[in-house]
Protein backbone atom coordinates (compact mmCIF):
# COMPACT_ATOMS: atom_id res chain seq x y z
CA MET A 1 -5.49 20.95 48.90
CA PHE A 2 -3.81 18.10 47.11
CA SER A 3 -3.81 14.54 48.36
CA HIS A 4 -0.32 13.09 48.77
CA THR A 5 0.55 10.65 46.00
CA ARG A 6 3.04 8.03 47.03
CA HIS A 7 5.43 7.49 44.12
CA ILE A 8 6.01 3.78 43.55
CA ALA A 9 9.29 2.91 41.88
CA VAL A 10 9.08 0.62 38.83
CA THR A 11 11.88 -1.47 37.41
CA ALA A 12 14.01 -0.13 34.59
CA ILE A 13 12.84 -3.02 32.40
CA ALA A 14 9.25 -1.84 32.68
CA PHE A 15 10.36 1.76 32.11
CA ALA A 16 12.26 0.81 28.96
CA ALA A 17 9.42 -1.34 27.65
CA LEU A 18 6.83 1.39 28.20
CA PHE A 19 8.84 4.10 26.50
CA ALA A 20 10.69 2.00 23.93
CA PRO A 21 9.35 3.89 20.87
CA GLN A 22 10.27 7.27 22.38
CA LEU A 23 13.65 6.09 23.64
CA ALA A 24 14.58 4.87 20.18
CA HIS A 25 14.53 8.49 18.97
CA ALA A 26 15.72 10.22 22.15
CA ASP A 27 19.11 11.82 22.61
CA THR A 28 21.60 9.50 24.25
CA VAL A 29 24.91 10.06 25.98
CA HIS A 30 27.85 7.64 25.78
CA ILE A 31 30.89 8.31 27.99
CA GLU A 32 33.98 6.12 28.27
CA THR A 33 36.21 6.23 31.34
CA SER A 34 39.31 4.25 32.25
CA GLY A 35 37.29 1.48 33.94
CA LEU A 36 33.73 1.61 32.57
CA THR A 37 31.32 2.95 29.99
CA PHE A 38 28.29 5.11 30.88
CA ASP A 39 25.21 5.17 28.64
CA THR A 40 21.90 6.97 29.03
CA PHE A 41 18.59 6.03 27.47
CA GLN A 42 17.26 9.58 27.35
CA SER A 43 19.18 12.78 28.06
CA PRO A 44 17.74 15.91 26.43
CA TYR A 45 20.45 17.76 28.37
CA ALA A 46 23.82 16.04 28.21
CA GLU A 47 25.07 14.34 31.35
CA THR A 48 28.82 15.00 31.74
CA LEU A 49 31.94 13.39 33.18
CA VAL A 50 33.33 15.51 36.03
CA SER A 51 36.41 13.49 36.98
CA ASP A 52 38.02 10.09 36.47
CA VAL A 53 40.79 9.54 39.01
CA ASN A 54 42.10 6.45 40.82
CA GLY A 55 39.23 4.17 39.90
CA ALA A 56 36.48 6.69 40.78
CA ALA A 57 34.51 8.21 37.88
CA THR A 58 32.08 11.02 38.79
CA PHE A 59 29.24 12.12 36.49
CA SER A 60 27.04 15.22 36.72
CA LEU A 61 23.38 14.29 36.08
CA VAL A 62 21.73 17.52 35.01
CA ASN A 63 18.43 16.20 33.63
CA ALA A 64 16.98 15.37 37.04
CA ALA A 65 17.69 18.90 38.29
CA HIS A 66 16.17 20.42 35.16
CA PHE A 67 12.93 18.45 35.24
CA MET A 68 12.60 18.67 39.03
CA GLY A 69 13.34 22.39 39.19
CA ASN A 70 10.02 23.85 40.29
CA PRO A 71 9.17 27.16 38.52
CA ASN A 72 7.38 28.25 41.72
CA MET A 73 3.88 27.49 40.52
CA LEU A 74 1.04 27.38 43.02
CA ASN A 75 -0.10 23.85 42.22
CA TYR A 76 2.22 21.30 40.65
CA HIS A 77 3.17 17.64 40.58
CA THR A 78 6.28 16.64 38.63
CA VAL A 79 7.72 13.16 38.20
CA HIS A 80 11.09 12.35 36.65
CA GLY A 81 12.95 9.13 35.85
CA SER A 82 16.39 8.46 34.35
CA VAL A 83 17.94 5.11 33.40
CA PHE A 84 21.66 4.58 32.90
CA GLN A 85 23.64 1.52 31.86
CA LEU A 86 27.01 0.97 33.54
CA SER A 87 29.37 -1.50 31.87
CA ALA A 88 32.78 -2.45 33.20
CA ARG A 89 35.48 -2.32 30.54
CA GLU A 90 37.43 -5.46 29.73
CA GLY A 91 39.78 -6.25 32.60
CA TYR A 92 37.75 -4.24 35.16
CA LYS A 93 34.84 -4.69 37.53
CA VAL A 94 32.45 -2.23 39.20
CA THR A 95 32.92 -2.38 42.97
CA GLY A 96 30.28 0.17 44.01
CA TYR A 97 28.58 3.48 43.30
CA SER A 98 27.00 6.43 45.11
CA VAL A 99 24.36 8.99 44.11
CA THR A 100 24.38 12.31 45.98
CA GLY A 101 22.02 15.26 45.78
CA GLY A 102 19.55 17.27 47.78
CA PHE A 103 16.21 19.05 47.85
CA TRP A 104 15.68 22.72 48.66
CA GLY A 105 12.34 24.07 49.84
CA GLU A 106 10.63 27.20 51.09
CA LEU A 107 7.15 27.46 52.58
CA HIS A 108 5.13 30.59 53.35
CA VAL A 109 1.53 30.42 54.58
CA GLY A 110 -0.44 33.60 53.92
CA GLN A 111 -2.37 35.22 56.77
CA SER A 112 -4.36 38.38 57.44
CA PRO A 113 -2.94 41.00 59.84
CA ASP A 114 -5.59 40.31 62.49
CA GLY A 115 -6.32 36.64 61.75
CA SER A 116 -9.70 37.34 60.16
CA GLY A 117 -11.05 35.94 56.91
CA PHE A 118 -9.93 32.75 55.26
CA PRO A 119 -6.44 31.53 56.30
CA GLY A 120 -3.87 30.65 53.67
CA SER A 121 -2.34 27.21 53.23
CA ALA A 122 0.77 25.68 51.69
CA GLU A 123 2.22 22.17 51.45
CA THR A 124 5.13 20.51 49.68
CA ARG A 125 6.41 16.97 49.35
CA SER A 126 9.34 15.46 47.49
CA GLY A 127 10.98 12.08 47.11
CA ALA A 128 13.91 10.39 45.41
CA TRP A 129 14.91 6.78 44.78
CA ALA A 130 17.95 5.12 43.27
CA TYR A 131 18.18 1.41 42.57
CA ALA A 132 19.90 -0.97 40.18
CA HIS A 133 19.27 -4.26 38.45
CA ASP A 134 21.28 -6.61 36.27
CA VAL A 135 20.86 -6.48 32.50
CA VAL A 136 20.93 -10.29 32.45
CA GLY A 137 18.45 -11.82 34.88
CA GLY A 138 16.98 -8.52 36.06
CA GLU A 139 17.88 -9.00 39.73
CA ASN A 140 17.24 -5.78 41.71
CA PHE A 141 19.74 -4.51 44.28
CA ALA A 142 20.94 -1.39 46.13
CA LEU A 143 17.67 0.46 46.78
CA GLY A 144 17.98 3.92 48.38
CA GLU A 145 15.09 6.23 49.32
CA HIS A 146 14.72 9.80 50.61
CA THR A 147 11.50 11.80 51.16
CA THR A 148 10.63 15.21 52.60
CA SER A 149 7.50 17.20 53.44
CA ASN A 150 7.03 20.94 54.01
CA LEU A 151 10.75 21.51 53.65
CA GLN A 152 12.29 24.75 54.89
CA GLY A 153 15.91 24.93 53.74
CA HIS A 154 17.72 21.95 52.28
CA SER A 155 17.67 18.19 52.83
CA ASP A 156 20.60 16.27 51.34
CA PHE A 157 20.75 12.59 50.46
CA ARG A 158 23.33 9.99 49.50
CA PHE A 159 22.52 6.56 48.11
CA ASP A 160 25.38 4.04 48.45
CA SER A 161 25.24 0.70 46.69
CA GLY A 162 27.53 -1.03 49.17
CA PRO A 163 30.26 -3.41 47.93
CA LEU A 164 29.65 -4.77 44.41
CA ASN A 165 31.45 -7.22 42.18
CA LYS A 166 29.98 -6.51 38.74
CA THR A 167 31.83 -7.46 35.59
CA LEU A 168 28.62 -7.57 33.50
CA PRO A 169 26.51 -4.51 32.55
CA PHE A 170 23.71 -3.35 34.85
CA PHE A 171 21.09 -0.60 34.87
CA LEU A 172 20.98 2.22 37.42
CA THR A 173 17.65 4.04 37.78
CA PHE A 174 16.94 7.35 39.47
CA GLU A 175 13.33 8.39 40.08
CA GLY A 176 11.89 11.36 41.91
CA TYR A 177 8.94 13.66 42.34
CA ILE A 178 8.12 17.12 43.65
CA GLU A 179 4.65 18.42 44.44
CA GLY A 180 3.21 21.52 46.06
CA TYR A 181 0.02 23.44 46.68
CA ALA A 182 -0.47 27.02 47.89
CA ALA A 183 -3.63 29.09 48.53
CA PRO A 184 -3.72 32.73 49.69
CA ALA A 185 -5.22 34.15 52.84
CA ILE A 186 -8.29 36.26 51.97
CA TRP A 187 -9.94 38.93 54.11
CA TYR A 188 -11.96 42.14 53.84
CA GLY A 189 -10.93 45.39 55.43
CA ASN A 190 -13.07 48.02 57.11
CA GLU A 191 -12.21 50.86 54.72
CA PRO A 192 -15.26 52.64 53.26
CA GLY A 193 -15.92 51.67 49.66
CA GLN A 194 -13.55 48.67 49.74
CA MET A 195 -15.19 46.11 47.42
CA TRP A 196 -12.35 43.68 46.67
CA PRO A 197 -10.76 41.41 49.27
CA TYR A 198 -7.17 41.64 50.42
CA ARG A 199 -4.83 38.72 49.80
CA ASP A 200 -1.57 37.48 51.25
CA TYR A 201 -0.25 34.92 48.81
CA SER A 202 1.21 31.66 50.07
CA ARG A 203 4.28 30.00 48.53
CA ALA A 204 5.06 26.31 48.26
CA ASP A 205 8.46 25.80 46.64
CA VAL A 206 10.49 22.57 46.52
CA ARG A 207 13.05 21.41 43.99
CA LEU A 208 16.30 19.53 43.48
CA LYS A 209 18.90 22.09 44.50
CA GLY A 210 21.35 21.14 41.74
CA PRO A 211 22.62 18.33 39.50
CA LEU A 212 22.95 14.88 41.00
CA LEU A 213 26.46 13.46 41.27
CA LEU A 214 26.99 9.81 40.41
CA THR A 215 30.34 8.29 41.40
CA VAL A 216 31.17 4.79 40.15
CA TYR A 217 34.09 2.84 41.59
CA THR A 218 36.04 0.35 39.48
CA GLN A 219 38.95 -1.99 40.04
CA ALA A 220 41.23 -3.89 37.69
CA VAL A 221 40.64 -7.63 37.49
CA PRO A 222 43.89 -9.67 37.24
CA GLU A 223 44.22 -11.69 34.04
CA PRO A 224 44.13 -15.51 34.35
CA HIS A 225 47.87 -15.79 33.67
CA THR A 226 48.46 -13.34 36.55
CA TYR A 227 46.56 -15.68 38.89
CA ALA A 228 48.64 -18.61 37.60
CA MET A 229 51.91 -16.77 38.15
CA THR A 230 50.80 -15.71 41.64
CA LEU A 231 49.87 -19.29 42.59
CA ALA A 232 53.14 -20.59 41.18
CA GLY A 233 55.08 -18.00 43.17
CA LEU A 234 53.23 -18.92 46.36
CA ALA A 235 53.92 -22.60 45.77
CA LEU A 236 57.62 -21.90 45.20
CA LEU A 237 57.79 -19.80 48.36
CA ALA A 238 56.07 -22.53 50.37
CA GLY A 239 58.59 -25.06 49.05
CA VAL A 240 61.51 -22.85 50.09
CA VAL A 241 60.04 -22.46 53.59
CA ARG A 242 59.52 -26.22 53.95
CA ARG A 243 63.13 -26.98 52.85
CA ARG A 244 64.49 -24.45 55.35
CA GLN A 245 62.39 -25.90 58.14
CA ARG A 246 63.52 -29.44 57.24
CA ALA A 247 67.19 -28.34 57.15
CA ALA A 248 66.82 -26.65 60.53
CA ARG A 249 65.32 -29.79 62.07
CA ASN A 250 68.07 -32.04 60.62
CA GLY A 251 70.75 -29.67 61.94
CA ALA A 252 69.20 -29.70 65.42
CA GLN A 253 69.10 -33.53 65.43
CA ALA A 254 72.73 -33.74 64.33
CA ARG A 255 73.89 -31.45 67.15
CA SER A 256 72.01 -33.50 69.71
């Protein structure tokens, strides 16, 4: 049986430094939306833009699902990491993001019909993390985590960054792992001449159930002259209100 390995998330800076030679020759994806640009550091399978409407750009992240799609082996441990750079376009800021996905799992423990012999066993574990850090300064923020064990069915997750105010580029990292172990039940029957044992094979299956969806929210940032015009308009309005209040007071005094 395997011992559970706790996956420890590393920063995207360390990831990039460790794999810098490979990343220099890896396939990259560059996508421009109305409010931001999306860049990958390594995408053997192209990530795609699903929609870009009303300041919400949604991307389909297929690499995580591909590399964390268990081929139903009996003993496996798979780790995957993806790093993306999100950059607000001129005149915009990133106000938040969300990463949604889910694991699917199935577990079957083999057993003999009468409980004799050696019992089967099966275990699975999976985990996912999403976190971000600034390109300049490297400050980490918005950590989300989801783990499962011995999953039967599906377990969905959603990582929300919370409110952001990012006009400068930042990295978004997704990391995850899946692991499983299965051993059959083994027993001998009572049939004459039976030399080989019977087996009921166990199954330990866990995987990402489909592509991750990354939605990034952006908002236009008013130009400096817009701020100036707004302040000037507010000052003018305040002056009009003060003159009307002064005129009303003078009229009331005159009538008295």
